[in-house]
């Protein structure tokens, strides 16, 4: 009956509410005894847990609690929390059955709030568990008041130093200590995996789907300290290279090079620092794209009351949460472009509104520039068409063509923002991370090594032999522990090939030049010729197997087996 009355109060049709009630009242259970269903149990609580309708019915009932709290707030019986004068008051934050309630540290207000929660519990059957609940006080609340409020609410546990929804309740002091739980959680998960029993492919799946996904939730809200990021990447790197638990293994390549995208010769693992910024840029995008959301209104009243979050320079005593969001501002601005509606909020010479391949300002034409000139001043007042004379006077030919491709709004649509690097124009973490990787390459360009093996490494992932892709990639990347490579790492002094004993055991010698290897390649169906294949160059030999062997009339079936030959050699 509670759902019936709640549904009618919310404005649902009586027929619809009746259908829902039929779903609830028709629920029954049977118990399996020795493999046979016995009895018929009709629950008094309606739907069972996990039923698809349960979350929606829970929300309908919760609306009654919200209405009671909002009514008490409007009548002045409860005072919501404000972080600034113009900030909307916050009296409650609800996430399923985890709830936060805010009121003034006053016996009367706490009593009023407790009365509402108790009344809701009696009506819905969802009782408050005081043993699992905690109360959090402001820093200036006297100790005597705290004791009295605890007695009024019947809650003895004082919170503030724990976690809520997986995040720290309070961010203060050393950030490395605050976020140490992320490192502990990852280390615990990695230590539960047996590195000895996992192939490279298995490790890749675990790292990409589990290890690098674990800190994602925290990184989407806060900027993790550099020390924590390094320890997270170190733990993942050790797991990748080791063959047993609690071992570092031998790191053949720097982790930064492994985090390069697959098409550029890497393994596509995430750079956690750049991924952290890409996640935070999503939060900043939401402030711009959804300015009427509760979070945007709260932060606007505190940090950018009369401006945009992109134009904020410095704030007075900003929170760590706000500083984390601002850390991603530069990244977001690199791909953000103003979309022209009325043009009344877009400055011609200060905002990036030119629809070029990369967002940019108009080119400097060398004439006087009015810093406060608006795009709307370049439009006809009634027809909203571009004023061609002004465009010719202010911009060059290229910019004129780009500007004329913009269709201003004729229905008074306000100016907005779009993300250049995605087709829908909305920011995505994927494209943000890709842009961050590109910017990193521009700021720290890698030395050009000829011949480049990037194309070969990326081609390897198209092979049909799934199990051997990683070995082929390791061979090209120089990660196979031959005697020469081990000697370079001071893990031995003997460089001679253990099979022929004549030459140094390099990767190319082991796979292509050793007499045993030459004999194997000779017996294969792949065309060989001393002047063509095999050669003294590992790059040349792999290039031959991946591309040029087809020019020598090698069949597709014969080429499909070459990764297995490499593996057994």
Protein backbone atom coordinates (compact mmCIF):
# COMPACT_ATOMS: atom_id res chain seq x y z
CA UNK A 1 0.00 0.00 0.00
CA UNK A 2 2.97 2.31 0.57
CA UNK A 3 3.97 2.01 -3.08
CA UNK A 4 0.33 2.47 -4.13
CA UNK A 5 0.00 5.77 -2.25
CA UNK A 6 3.51 6.94 -3.26
CA UNK A 7 2.79 6.25 -6.92
CA UNK A 8 -0.47 8.19 -6.87
CA UNK A 9 1.17 11.12 -5.03
CA UNK A 10 3.89 11.30 -7.71
CA UNK A 11 1.22 11.58 -10.42
CA UNK A 12 1.30 8.08 -11.93
CA UNK A 13 -1.99 6.79 -13.37
CA UNK A 14 -3.95 4.48 -11.08
CA UNK A 15 -3.97 1.75 -13.77
CA UNK A 16 -0.17 1.85 -13.98
CA UNK A 17 0.16 1.69 -10.18
CA UNK A 18 -2.25 -1.26 -10.16
CA UNK A 19 -0.06 -3.14 -12.67
CA UNK A 20 2.96 -2.61 -10.44
CA UNK A 21 1.01 -3.81 -7.40
CA UNK A 22 0.03 -6.97 -9.29
CA UNK A 23 3.74 -7.64 -9.96
CA UNK A 24 4.47 -7.28 -6.26
CA UNK A 25 1.51 -9.19 -4.83
CA UNK A 26 1.99 -12.17 -7.16
CA UNK A 27 5.49 -13.00 -5.86
CA UNK A 28 5.88 -16.41 -4.21
CA UNK A 29 8.76 -18.74 -3.31
CA UNK A 30 9.33 -22.48 -2.97
CA UNK A 31 12.13 -24.20 -1.08
CA UNK A 32 14.24 -26.99 -2.57
CA UNK A 33 14.37 -29.98 -0.18
CA UNK A 34 16.40 -32.94 -1.46
CA UNK A 35 16.04 -31.58 -4.99
CA UNK A 36 12.25 -31.16 -4.83
CA UNK A 37 10.36 -27.85 -4.59
CA UNK A 38 8.26 -27.81 -1.43
CA UNK A 39 5.75 -25.36 0.04
CA UNK A 40 4.63 -21.94 -1.07
CA UNK A 41 5.93 -18.81 0.65
CA UNK A 42 4.26 -15.47 -0.03
CA UNK A 43 6.61 -12.70 1.20
CA UNK A 44 5.14 -9.68 2.95
CA UNK A 45 7.91 -7.41 1.63
CA UNK A 46 6.98 -7.80 -2.03
CA UNK A 47 9.71 -8.17 -4.67
CA UNK A 48 12.86 -10.12 -3.94
CA UNK A 49 16.30 -8.50 -3.98
CA UNK A 50 17.80 -8.39 -7.47
CA UNK A 51 14.47 -8.16 -9.27
CA UNK A 52 14.65 -5.57 -12.12
CA UNK A 53 11.78 -3.53 -10.67
CA UNK A 54 13.34 -3.26 -7.22
CA UNK A 55 15.60 -0.21 -7.88
CA UNK A 56 12.75 1.77 -9.45
CA UNK A 57 10.35 1.04 -6.61
CA UNK A 58 13.10 1.94 -4.14
CA UNK A 59 13.50 5.32 -5.86
CA UNK A 60 9.74 5.93 -5.75
CA UNK A 61 9.71 5.34 -2.00
CA UNK A 62 12.83 7.49 -1.52
CA UNK A 63 11.03 10.41 -3.19
CA UNK A 64 8.76 10.50 -0.14
CA UNK A 65 11.80 10.95 2.13
CA UNK A 66 13.18 13.70 -0.12
CA UNK A 67 9.84 15.52 -0.11
CA UNK A 68 9.72 15.45 3.70
CA UNK A 69 13.27 16.86 3.99
CA UNK A 70 12.66 19.57 1.38
CA UNK A 71 9.43 20.56 3.13
CA UNK A 72 11.23 20.87 6.46
CA UNK A 73 13.94 22.94 4.78
CA UNK A 74 11.40 25.31 3.20
CA UNK A 75 9.69 25.77 6.57
CA UNK A 76 13.01 26.56 8.27
CA UNK A 77 13.01 23.48 10.49
CA UNK A 78 16.23 22.26 8.82
CA UNK A 79 19.12 24.36 7.47
CA UNK A 80 21.09 22.86 4.58
CA UNK A 81 24.84 23.16 4.19
CA UNK A 82 26.24 26.04 2.10
CA UNK A 83 29.89 26.36 1.08
CA UNK A 84 29.36 29.92 -0.20
CA UNK A 85 26.73 32.65 0.11
CA UNK A 86 25.23 32.10 -3.33
CA UNK A 87 25.56 28.31 -3.10
CA UNK A 88 22.36 26.23 -3.17
CA UNK A 89 21.74 24.60 0.24
CA UNK A 90 22.46 20.88 0.48
CA UNK A 91 20.33 18.94 2.96
CA UNK A 92 20.75 15.42 1.58
CA UNK A 93 22.82 13.35 -0.84
CA UNK A 94 21.44 9.88 -1.57
CA UNK A 95 23.05 6.94 -3.32
CA UNK A 96 20.88 3.81 -3.01
CA UNK A 97 20.82 2.99 0.71
CA UNK A 98 23.96 5.06 1.46
CA UNK A 99 22.78 8.50 2.50
CA UNK A 100 24.30 11.76 3.72
CA UNK A 101 22.13 14.25 5.61
CA UNK A 102 23.19 17.81 6.48
CA UNK A 103 21.76 20.20 9.05
CA UNK A 104 22.89 22.80 11.54
CA UNK A 105 24.68 21.52 14.67
CA UNK A 106 21.61 22.20 16.76
CA UNK A 107 19.54 19.89 18.98
CA UNK A 108 16.24 21.06 17.49
CA UNK A 109 17.35 20.61 13.87
CA UNK A 110 18.94 17.22 14.53
CA UNK A 111 15.79 16.14 16.33
CA UNK A 112 13.65 17.27 13.40
CA UNK A 113 15.85 15.38 10.93
CA UNK A 114 15.78 12.26 13.09
CA UNK A 115 11.98 12.47 13.32
CA UNK A 116 11.68 12.56 9.50
CA UNK A 117 14.02 9.57 9.07
CA UNK A 118 12.17 7.61 11.76
CA UNK A 119 8.78 8.40 10.19
CA UNK A 120 10.09 7.25 6.80
CA UNK A 121 11.40 4.04 8.36
CA UNK A 122 8.02 3.23 9.91
CA UNK A 123 6.22 3.89 6.61
CA UNK A 124 8.65 2.06 4.29
CA UNK A 125 10.17 -0.57 6.55
CA UNK A 126 13.69 0.78 5.86
CA UNK A 127 14.95 1.33 9.38
CA UNK A 128 18.00 3.42 10.29
CA UNK A 129 20.91 1.26 11.51
CA UNK A 130 22.52 3.45 14.19
CA UNK A 131 25.33 0.93 14.74
CA UNK A 132 26.54 1.35 11.15
CA UNK A 133 25.84 5.09 10.97
CA UNK A 134 28.27 7.84 11.91
CA UNK A 135 28.03 11.57 12.55
CA UNK A 136 30.45 14.17 11.24
CA UNK A 137 30.90 17.57 12.89
CA UNK A 138 32.36 20.85 11.70
CA UNK A 139 35.72 21.82 13.19
CA UNK A 140 34.20 24.62 15.31
CA UNK A 141 31.46 22.57 17.01
CA UNK A 142 32.17 22.43 20.80
CA UNK A 143 32.71 19.07 22.46
CA UNK A 144 29.69 19.50 24.75
CA UNK A 145 27.44 20.08 21.73
CA UNK A 146 28.83 16.99 20.03
CA UNK A 147 27.99 14.79 23.02
CA UNK A 148 24.46 16.17 23.21
CA UNK A 149 23.81 15.68 19.49
CA UNK A 150 25.09 12.10 19.61
CA UNK A 151 22.65 11.42 22.45
CA UNK A 152 19.79 13.02 20.50
CA UNK A 153 20.42 10.94 17.37
CA UNK A 154 21.44 7.76 19.15
CA UNK A 155 24.63 7.57 17.07
CA UNK A 156 27.89 7.12 18.97
CA UNK A 157 30.34 6.65 16.10
CA UNK A 158 32.05 9.81 14.88
CA UNK A 159 33.05 9.78 11.21
CA UNK A 160 35.26 11.85 8.95
CA UNK A 161 38.35 9.66 8.66
CA UNK A 162 36.80 6.71 6.81
CA UNK A 163 35.54 6.27 3.26
CA UNK A 164 32.20 6.94 1.61
CA UNK A 165 31.38 5.19 -1.67
CA UNK A 166 35.01 4.11 -1.92
CA UNK A 167 36.49 7.61 -1.54
CA UNK A 168 38.07 9.28 1.52
CA UNK A 169 35.56 11.29 3.57
CA UNK A 170 38.16 13.93 4.34
CA UNK A 171 41.16 15.08 2.27
CA UNK A 172 43.77 16.69 4.50
CA UNK A 173 47.43 16.32 5.40
CA UNK A 174 49.73 14.14 3.33
CA UNK A 175 48.05 13.15 0.08
CA UNK A 176 50.35 10.14 -0.17
CA UNK A 177 48.91 8.80 3.08
CA UNK A 178 45.34 9.64 2.09
CA UNK A 179 45.57 7.72 -1.20
CA UNK A 180 47.84 4.92 0.01
CA UNK A 181 44.79 2.65 0.03
CA UNK A 182 44.79 2.69 -3.80
CA UNK A 183 48.32 1.31 -3.87
CA UNK A 184 47.50 -1.29 -1.19
CA UNK A 185 44.42 -2.43 -3.09
CA UNK A 186 46.36 -2.86 -6.34
CA UNK A 187 49.28 -4.66 -4.66
CA UNK A 188 46.90 -7.05 -2.92
CA UNK A 189 45.19 -7.89 -6.21
CA UNK A 190 48.46 -8.39 -8.13
CA UNK A 191 49.95 -10.57 -5.38
CA UNK A 192 46.93 -12.87 -5.66
CA UNK A 193 47.87 -13.71 -9.27
CA UNK A 194 50.39 -16.41 -10.06
CA UNK A 195 52.81 -14.82 -12.52
CA UNK A 196 54.51 -18.18 -13.14
CA UNK A 197 51.34 -19.76 -14.53
CA UNK A 198 50.35 -16.85 -16.78
CA UNK A 199 51.43 -16.29 -20.37
CA UNK A 200 52.22 -12.84 -21.72
CA UNK A 201 48.78 -12.70 -23.27
CA UNK A 202 47.16 -13.60 -19.95
CA UNK A 203 49.14 -10.93 -18.14
CA UNK A 204 48.15 -8.37 -20.76
CA UNK A 205 44.46 -9.12 -20.23
CA UNK A 206 44.76 -8.90 -16.43
CA UNK A 207 46.71 -5.64 -16.55
CA UNK A 208 44.37 -3.91 -19.00
CA UNK A 209 41.06 -5.16 -17.61
CA UNK A 210 41.82 -5.32 -13.86
CA UNK A 211 45.08 -3.75 -12.66
CA UNK A 212 44.80 -0.50 -14.62
CA UNK A 213 41.04 -0.34 -14.04
CA UNK A 214 41.27 -0.53 -10.22
CA UNK A 215 42.34 3.10 -9.62
CA UNK A 216 40.02 4.52 -12.31
CA UNK A 217 37.21 5.48 -9.94
CA UNK A 218 39.53 7.39 -7.59
CA UNK A 219 41.41 9.01 -10.49
CA UNK A 220 38.15 10.28 -11.97
CA UNK A 221 37.67 12.41 -8.84
CA UNK A 222 41.15 13.29 -7.58
CA UNK A 223 44.63 13.94 -8.98
CA UNK A 224 46.77 11.20 -7.48
CA UNK A 225 50.23 12.25 -6.18
CA UNK A 226 53.16 11.52 -8.47
CA UNK A 227 54.66 9.14 -5.91
CA UNK A 228 51.48 7.05 -5.83
CA UNK A 229 51.32 6.97 -9.65
CA UNK A 230 54.93 5.78 -9.85
CA UNK A 231 54.31 3.02 -7.30
CA UNK A 232 51.19 1.87 -9.13
CA UNK A 233 53.05 1.70 -12.45
CA UNK A 234 56.02 0.02 -10.75
CA UNK A 235 53.78 -2.70 -9.29
CA UNK A 236 52.18 -3.33 -12.70
CA UNK A 237 55.57 -3.29 -14.46
CA UNK A 238 57.05 -5.78 -11.97
CA UNK A 239 54.11 -8.13 -12.53
CA UNK A 240 54.57 -7.87 -16.30
CA UNK A 241 58.27 -8.75 -16.29
CA UNK A 242 58.42 -11.20 -13.37
CA UNK A 243 57.97 -14.97 -13.49
CA UNK A 244 57.17 -15.47 -9.81
CA UNK A 245 55.49 -13.62 -6.97
CA UNK A 246 57.25 -10.82 -5.09
CA UNK A 247 59.87 -10.50 -7.82
CA UNK A 248 60.83 -7.55 -10.01
CA UNK A 249 61.97 -9.61 -12.94
CA UNK A 250 64.28 -8.22 -15.60
CA UNK A 251 62.83 -5.08 -17.20
CA UNK A 252 63.95 -5.21 -20.82
CA UNK A 253 62.21 -1.99 -21.96
CA UNK A 254 61.26 1.21 -20.14
CA UNK A 255 57.60 1.21 -19.11
CA UNK A 256 56.99 4.49 -20.99
CA UNK A 257 57.79 2.75 -24.28
CA UNK A 258 55.42 -0.11 -23.51
CA UNK A 259 52.60 2.36 -22.83
CA UNK A 260 52.82 3.61 -26.44
CA UNK A 261 49.74 2.69 -28.55
CA UNK A 262 49.90 -0.59 -30.47
CA UNK A 263 49.84 1.17 -33.85
CA UNK A 264 53.02 3.03 -32.83
CA UNK A 265 54.93 -0.05 -31.71
CA UNK A 266 53.94 -0.33 -28.04
CA UNK A 267 51.61 -2.67 -26.15
CA UNK A 268 48.87 -0.14 -25.50
CA UNK A 269 49.09 -0.09 -21.70
CA UNK A 270 47.86 3.12 -20.09
CA UNK A 271 50.10 5.87 -18.83
CA UNK A 272 48.31 6.32 -15.49
CA UNK A 273 49.39 9.94 -15.05
CA UNK A 274 47.95 11.01 -18.42
CA UNK A 275 44.89 8.82 -17.93
CA UNK A 276 44.29 10.55 -14.58
CA UNK A 277 44.26 13.93 -16.37
CA UNK A 278 41.94 12.61 -19.10
CA UNK A 279 39.46 11.43 -16.45
CA UNK A 280 39.57 14.77 -14.61
CA UNK A 281 39.07 16.64 -17.89
CA UNK A 282 35.75 14.79 -18.13
CA UNK A 283 34.67 16.41 -14.85
CA UNK A 284 35.63 19.87 -16.14
CA UNK A 285 33.74 19.19 -19.37
CA UNK A 286 30.62 18.38 -17.35
CA UNK A 287 30.86 21.73 -15.57
CA UNK A 288 30.80 23.44 -18.98
CA UNK A 289 28.24 21.20 -20.68
CA UNK A 290 25.82 20.85 -17.75
CA UNK A 291 25.96 24.25 -15.99
CA UNK A 292 22.64 23.64 -14.19
CA UNK A 293 23.78 20.43 -12.46
CA UNK A 294 24.10 20.51 -8.67
CA UNK A 295 27.89 20.10 -8.77
CA UNK A 296 28.30 22.91 -11.33
CA UNK A 297 26.11 25.30 -9.32
CA UNK A 298 27.99 24.54 -6.10
CA UNK A 299 31.46 24.98 -7.62
CA UNK A 300 30.38 28.08 -9.55
CA UNK A 301 29.20 29.80 -6.36
CA UNK A 302 32.58 29.10 -4.75
CA UNK A 303 35.21 29.39 -7.48
CA UNK A 304 33.93 31.05 -10.67
CA UNK A 305 30.89 33.10 -9.75
CA UNK A 306 31.05 35.63 -12.61
CA UNK A 307 33.18 33.79 -15.12
CA UNK A 308 33.88 30.37 -16.66
CA UNK A 309 35.87 27.53 -15.05
CA UNK A 310 38.29 27.83 -17.97
CA UNK A 311 39.09 31.45 -17.07
CA UNK A 312 39.77 30.94 -13.35
CA UNK A 313 43.34 31.90 -12.50
CA UNK A 314 43.64 31.56 -8.72
CA UNK A 315 41.20 30.77 -5.93
CA UNK A 316 41.29 31.54 -2.25
CA UNK A 317 42.03 28.35 -0.28
CA UNK A 318 40.76 25.94 -2.95
CA UNK A 319 39.87 22.37 -2.02
CA UNK A 320 41.97 19.47 -3.26
CA UNK A 321 39.00 18.36 -5.37
CA UNK A 322 38.95 21.72 -7.19
CA UNK A 323 42.71 21.74 -7.65
CA UNK A 324 42.46 18.26 -9.16
CA UNK A 325 39.88 19.42 -11.70
CA UNK A 326 41.95 22.49 -12.58
CA UNK A 327 44.97 20.27 -13.27
CA UNK A 328 43.16 19.04 -16.40
CA UNK A 329 42.29 22.51 -17.69
CA UNK A 330 45.22 22.76 -20.11
CA UNK A 331 44.41 19.37 -21.63
CA UNK A 332 40.74 20.21 -22.16
CA UNK A 333 41.52 23.60 -23.69
CA UNK A 334 43.74 21.97 -26.33
CA UNK A 335 40.73 20.29 -27.91
CA UNK A 336 37.90 22.63 -26.91
CA UNK A 337 36.20 24.91 -29.44
CA UNK A 338 33.41 27.42 -29.00
CA UNK A 339 30.26 26.70 -31.01
CA UNK A 340 28.49 29.78 -32.31
CA UNK A 341 24.81 30.24 -31.52
CA UNK A 342 24.00 33.91 -31.07
CA UNK A 343 27.69 34.82 -30.76
CA UNK A 344 26.92 37.06 -27.78
CA UNK A 345 29.30 35.30 -25.34
CA UNK A 346 32.19 34.49 -27.69
CA UNK A 347 35.08 36.95 -27.99
CA UNK A 348 36.58 37.10 -31.47
CA UNK A 349 40.24 37.46 -30.45
CA UNK A 350 40.28 35.56 -27.15
CA UNK A 351 38.16 32.43 -27.65
CA UNK A 352 38.99 29.42 -29.82
CA UNK A 353 36.09 29.38 -32.27
CA UNK A 354 37.68 28.85 -35.68
CA UNK A 355 36.60 25.34 -36.91
CA UNK A 356 40.05 24.28 -38.09
CA UNK A 357 41.51 20.79 -37.71
CA UNK A 358 42.78 21.88 -34.30
CA UNK A 359 40.92 24.52 -32.25
CA UNK A 360 42.60 27.91 -32.48
CA UNK A 361 42.12 31.67 -32.42
CA UNK A 362 41.77 33.66 -35.64
CA UNK A 363 45.09 34.45 -37.30
CA UNK A 364 46.59 37.84 -36.56
CA UNK A 365 45.92 40.04 -39.58
CA UNK A 366 48.18 42.84 -38.36
CA UNK A 367 45.41 45.40 -37.86
CA UNK A 368 44.09 46.83 -34.61
CA UNK A 369 42.25 44.19 -32.59
CA UNK A 370 39.42 45.09 -30.26
CA UNK A 371 39.85 42.66 -27.36
CA UNK A 372 36.15 42.92 -26.46
CA UNK A 373 34.81 42.37 -29.99
CA UNK A 374 32.05 39.74 -29.95
CA UNK A 375 31.20 37.29 -32.72
CA UNK A 376 27.62 38.61 -32.64
CA UNK A 377 28.96 41.94 -33.96
CA UNK A 378 30.01 40.12 -37.15
CA UNK A 379 26.41 39.02 -37.80
CA UNK A 380 23.43 40.77 -39.33
CA UNK A 381 20.97 41.52 -36.47
CA UNK A 382 17.89 40.07 -38.17
CA UNK A 383 19.02 37.50 -40.74
CA UNK A 384 21.95 36.23 -38.62
CA UNK A 385 24.11 36.07 -41.75
CA UNK A 386 27.81 36.93 -41.70
CA UNK A 387 28.71 40.52 -42.61
CA UNK A 388 31.15 39.84 -45.44
CA UNK A 389 32.78 43.29 -45.42
CA UNK A 390 33.80 42.89 -41.79
CA UNK A 391 35.13 39.39 -42.38
CA UNK A 392 37.29 40.57 -45.30
CA UNK A 393 38.67 43.46 -43.24
CA UNK A 394 39.50 41.38 -40.15
CA UNK A 395 40.54 37.92 -41.35
CA UNK A 396 42.64 36.29 -44.05
CA UNK A 397 41.24 34.11 -46.84
CA UNK A 398 41.66 30.79 -45.01
CA UNK A 399 39.89 32.00 -41.86
CA UNK A 400 37.12 33.58 -43.94
CA UNK A 401 36.35 30.23 -45.57
CA UNK A 402 36.27 28.48 -42.20
CA UNK A 403 34.05 31.17 -40.64
CA UNK A 404 31.58 31.05 -43.53
CA UNK A 405 31.18 27.30 -42.92
CA UNK A 406 29.69 28.12 -39.48
CA UNK A 407 25.90 28.34 -39.35
CA UNK A 408 24.87 30.74 -36.56
CA UNK A 409 21.62 30.06 -34.73
CA UNK A 410 18.45 31.82 -35.86
CA UNK A 411 16.46 30.68 -32.82
CA UNK A 412 18.57 32.44 -30.17
CA UNK A 413 20.50 29.33 -29.21
CA UNK A 414 23.33 30.37 -26.84
CA UNK A 415 26.98 29.75 -27.62
CA UNK A 416 28.40 26.49 -26.32
CA UNK A 417 31.41 24.21 -26.46
CA UNK A 418 32.35 21.20 -28.54
CA UNK A 419 35.19 18.70 -28.39
CA UNK A 420 37.07 18.68 -31.69
CA UNK A 421 38.47 15.15 -31.47
CA UNK A 422 35.18 13.21 -31.40
CA UNK A 423 32.47 13.07 -34.07
CA UNK A 424 29.54 13.83 -31.72
CA UNK A 425 31.45 16.85 -30.39
CA UNK A 426 31.32 15.60 -26.80
CA UNK A 427 34.39 14.95 -24.71
CA UNK A 428 35.33 11.32 -24.13
CA UNK A 429 38.08 9.96 -21.90
CA UNK A 430 39.40 7.90 -24.82
CA UNK A 431 39.98 10.89 -27.12
CA UNK A 432 41.24 12.99 -24.20
CA UNK A 433 43.85 10.36 -23.39
CA UNK A 434 44.88 10.10 -27.04
CA UNK A 435 45.38 13.87 -27.15
CA UNK A 436 47.41 13.75 -23.93
CA UNK A 437 49.69 11.10 -25.48
CA UNK A 438 50.16 13.23 -28.61
CA UNK A 439 51.03 16.30 -26.54
CA UNK A 440 53.52 14.25 -24.55
CA UNK A 441 55.26 13.18 -27.77
CA UNK A 442 55.43 16.80 -28.94
CA UNK A 443 56.91 18.03 -25.66
CA UNK A 444 59.45 15.21 -25.40
CA UNK A 445 60.15 13.95 -28.94
CA UNK A 446 61.88 10.58 -29.11
CA UNK A 447 65.16 10.24 -31.05
CA UNK A 448 64.57 8.85 -34.53
CA UNK A 449 66.10 5.38 -34.89
CA UNK A 450 66.54 4.03 -38.41
CA UNK A 451 65.19 1.73 -39.53
CA UNK A 452 62.04 2.17 -37.46
CA UNK A 453 60.47 -1.05 -36.19
CA UNK A 454 57.10 0.55 -35.32
CA UNK A 455 55.40 -0.64 -38.49
CA UNK A 456 56.67 -4.19 -37.95
CA UNK A 457 55.53 -4.23 -34.31
CA UNK A 458 52.04 -3.04 -35.22
CA UNK A 459 51.84 -5.53 -38.11
CA UNK A 460 52.63 -8.39 -35.72
CA UNK A 461 49.26 -7.94 -33.99
CA UNK A 462 47.48 -8.86 -37.23
CA UNK A 463 48.96 -12.38 -37.21
CA UNK A 464 46.48 -15.23 -36.86
CA UNK A 465 48.61 -17.14 -34.32
CA UNK A 466 47.30 -15.50 -31.15
CA UNK A 467 49.58 -17.28 -28.69
CA UNK A 468 52.79 -16.20 -30.42
CA UNK A 469 52.12 -12.52 -31.06
CA UNK A 470 53.84 -11.46 -27.87
CA UNK A 471 56.95 -13.53 -28.62
CA UNK A 472 57.19 -12.06 -32.11
CA UNK A 473 56.78 -8.55 -30.66
CA UNK A 474 59.46 -9.27 -28.02
CA UNK A 475 61.84 -10.47 -30.72
CA UNK A 476 61.53 -7.23 -32.68
CA UNK A 477 61.66 -5.11 -29.51
CA UNK A 478 64.82 -6.84 -28.26
CA UNK A 479 63.20 -8.42 -25.19
CA UNK A 480 64.32 -12.04 -25.73
CA UNK A 481 66.90 -13.13 -23.10
CA UNK A 482 69.68 -14.25 -25.44
CA UNK A 483 73.21 -14.51 -24.08
CA UNK A 484 74.22 -11.19 -25.63
CA UNK A 485 71.23 -9.39 -24.11
CA UNK A 486 71.89 -11.00 -20.72
CA UNK A 487 75.55 -10.00 -20.86
CA UNK A 488 74.52 -6.40 -21.56
CA UNK A 489 72.51 -6.54 -18.31
CA UNK A 490 75.50 -8.02 -16.41
CA UNK A 491 73.73 -11.37 -16.02
CA UNK A 492 76.58 -13.39 -17.49
CA UNK A 493 79.79 -13.07 -19.49
CA UNK A 494 79.54 -15.86 -22.08
CA UNK A 495 78.10 -14.48 -25.32
CA UNK A 496 78.63 -17.58 -27.48
CA UNK A 497 75.66 -19.36 -29.01
CA UNK A 498 75.00 -22.59 -27.03
CA UNK A 499 73.91 -24.43 -30.21
CA UNK A 500 76.73 -23.66 -32.64
CA UNK A 501 79.35 -22.11 -30.34
CA UNK A 502 80.74 -20.13 -33.25
CA UNK A 503 79.13 -16.72 -32.99
CA UNK A 504 77.53 -14.47 -30.40
CA UNK A 505 73.93 -15.35 -29.58
CA UNK A 506 72.00 -12.29 -30.72
CA UNK A 507 68.27 -12.41 -31.38
CA UNK A 508 68.84 -12.42 -35.13
CA UNK A 509 71.48 -15.15 -34.86
CA UNK A 510 69.23 -17.35 -32.71
CA UNK A 511 66.23 -17.01 -35.04
CA UNK A 512 67.80 -16.73 -38.49
CA UNK A 513 71.62 -17.08 -38.75
CA UNK A 514 72.47 -20.06 -36.55
CA UNK A 515 73.15 -23.20 -38.67
CA UNK A 516 70.28 -24.95 -36.90
CA UNK A 517 67.96 -22.04 -37.74
CA UNK A 518 69.16 -21.97 -41.37
CA UNK A 519 68.41 -25.67 -41.66
CA UNK A 520 64.89 -25.21 -40.27
CA UNK A 521 64.12 -22.32 -42.62
CA UNK A 522 65.48 -24.38 -45.52
CA UNK A 523 63.03 -27.21 -44.78
CA UNK A 524 60.09 -24.80 -44.53
CA UNK A 525 57.90 -23.79 -47.47
CA UNK A 526 58.97 -20.16 -47.16
CA UNK A 527 61.24 -19.18 -50.09
CA UNK A 528 64.85 -18.69 -48.95
CA UNK A 529 67.89 -17.31 -50.71
CA UNK A 530 71.22 -16.25 -49.12
CA UNK A 531 70.95 -12.90 -50.87
CA UNK A 532 67.30 -12.35 -49.89
CA UNK A 533 66.45 -14.32 -46.73
CA UNK A 534 67.76 -14.85 -44.07
CA UNK A 535 69.99 -11.79 -43.78
CA UNK A 536 72.19 -10.35 -40.95
CA UNK A 537 69.49 -7.79 -40.14
CA UNK A 538 66.62 -8.70 -37.79
CA UNK A 539 64.60 -5.81 -39.20
CA UNK A 540 65.09 -7.06 -42.77
CA UNK A 541 64.18 -10.66 -41.91
CA UNK A 542 60.97 -9.75 -40.08
CA UNK A 543 60.07 -7.33 -42.87
CA UNK A 544 60.52 -10.19 -45.34
CA UNK A 545 58.27 -12.57 -43.39
CA UNK A 546 55.52 -10.01 -42.86
CA UNK A 547 55.44 -8.40 -46.32
CA UNK A 548 57.97 -9.19 -49.01
CA UNK A 549 57.73 -13.01 -48.93
CA UNK A 550 54.44 -12.67 -50.80
CA UNK A 551 56.37 -11.03 -53.63
CA UNK A 552 58.50 -14.19 -53.75
CA UNK A 553 55.29 -16.20 -54.38
CA UNK A 554 55.05 -17.57 -50.86
CA UNK A 555 51.62 -19.02 -50.09
CA UNK A 556 49.46 -17.73 -47.25
CA UNK A 557 49.49 -21.18 -45.58
CA UNK A 558 53.28 -21.27 -45.50
CA UNK A 559 53.50 -17.77 -44.04
CA UNK A 560 51.00 -18.58 -41.30
CA UNK A 561 53.46 -21.04 -39.72
CA UNK A 562 56.48 -18.71 -39.45
CA UNK A 563 55.56 -17.50 -35.91
CA UNK A 564 55.62 -21.16 -34.78
CA UNK A 565 59.05 -21.57 -36.36
CA UNK A 566 60.29 -18.51 -34.48
CA UNK A 567 58.88 -19.90 -31.23
CA UNK A 568 60.51 -23.34 -31.54
CA UNK A 569 63.86 -21.87 -32.58
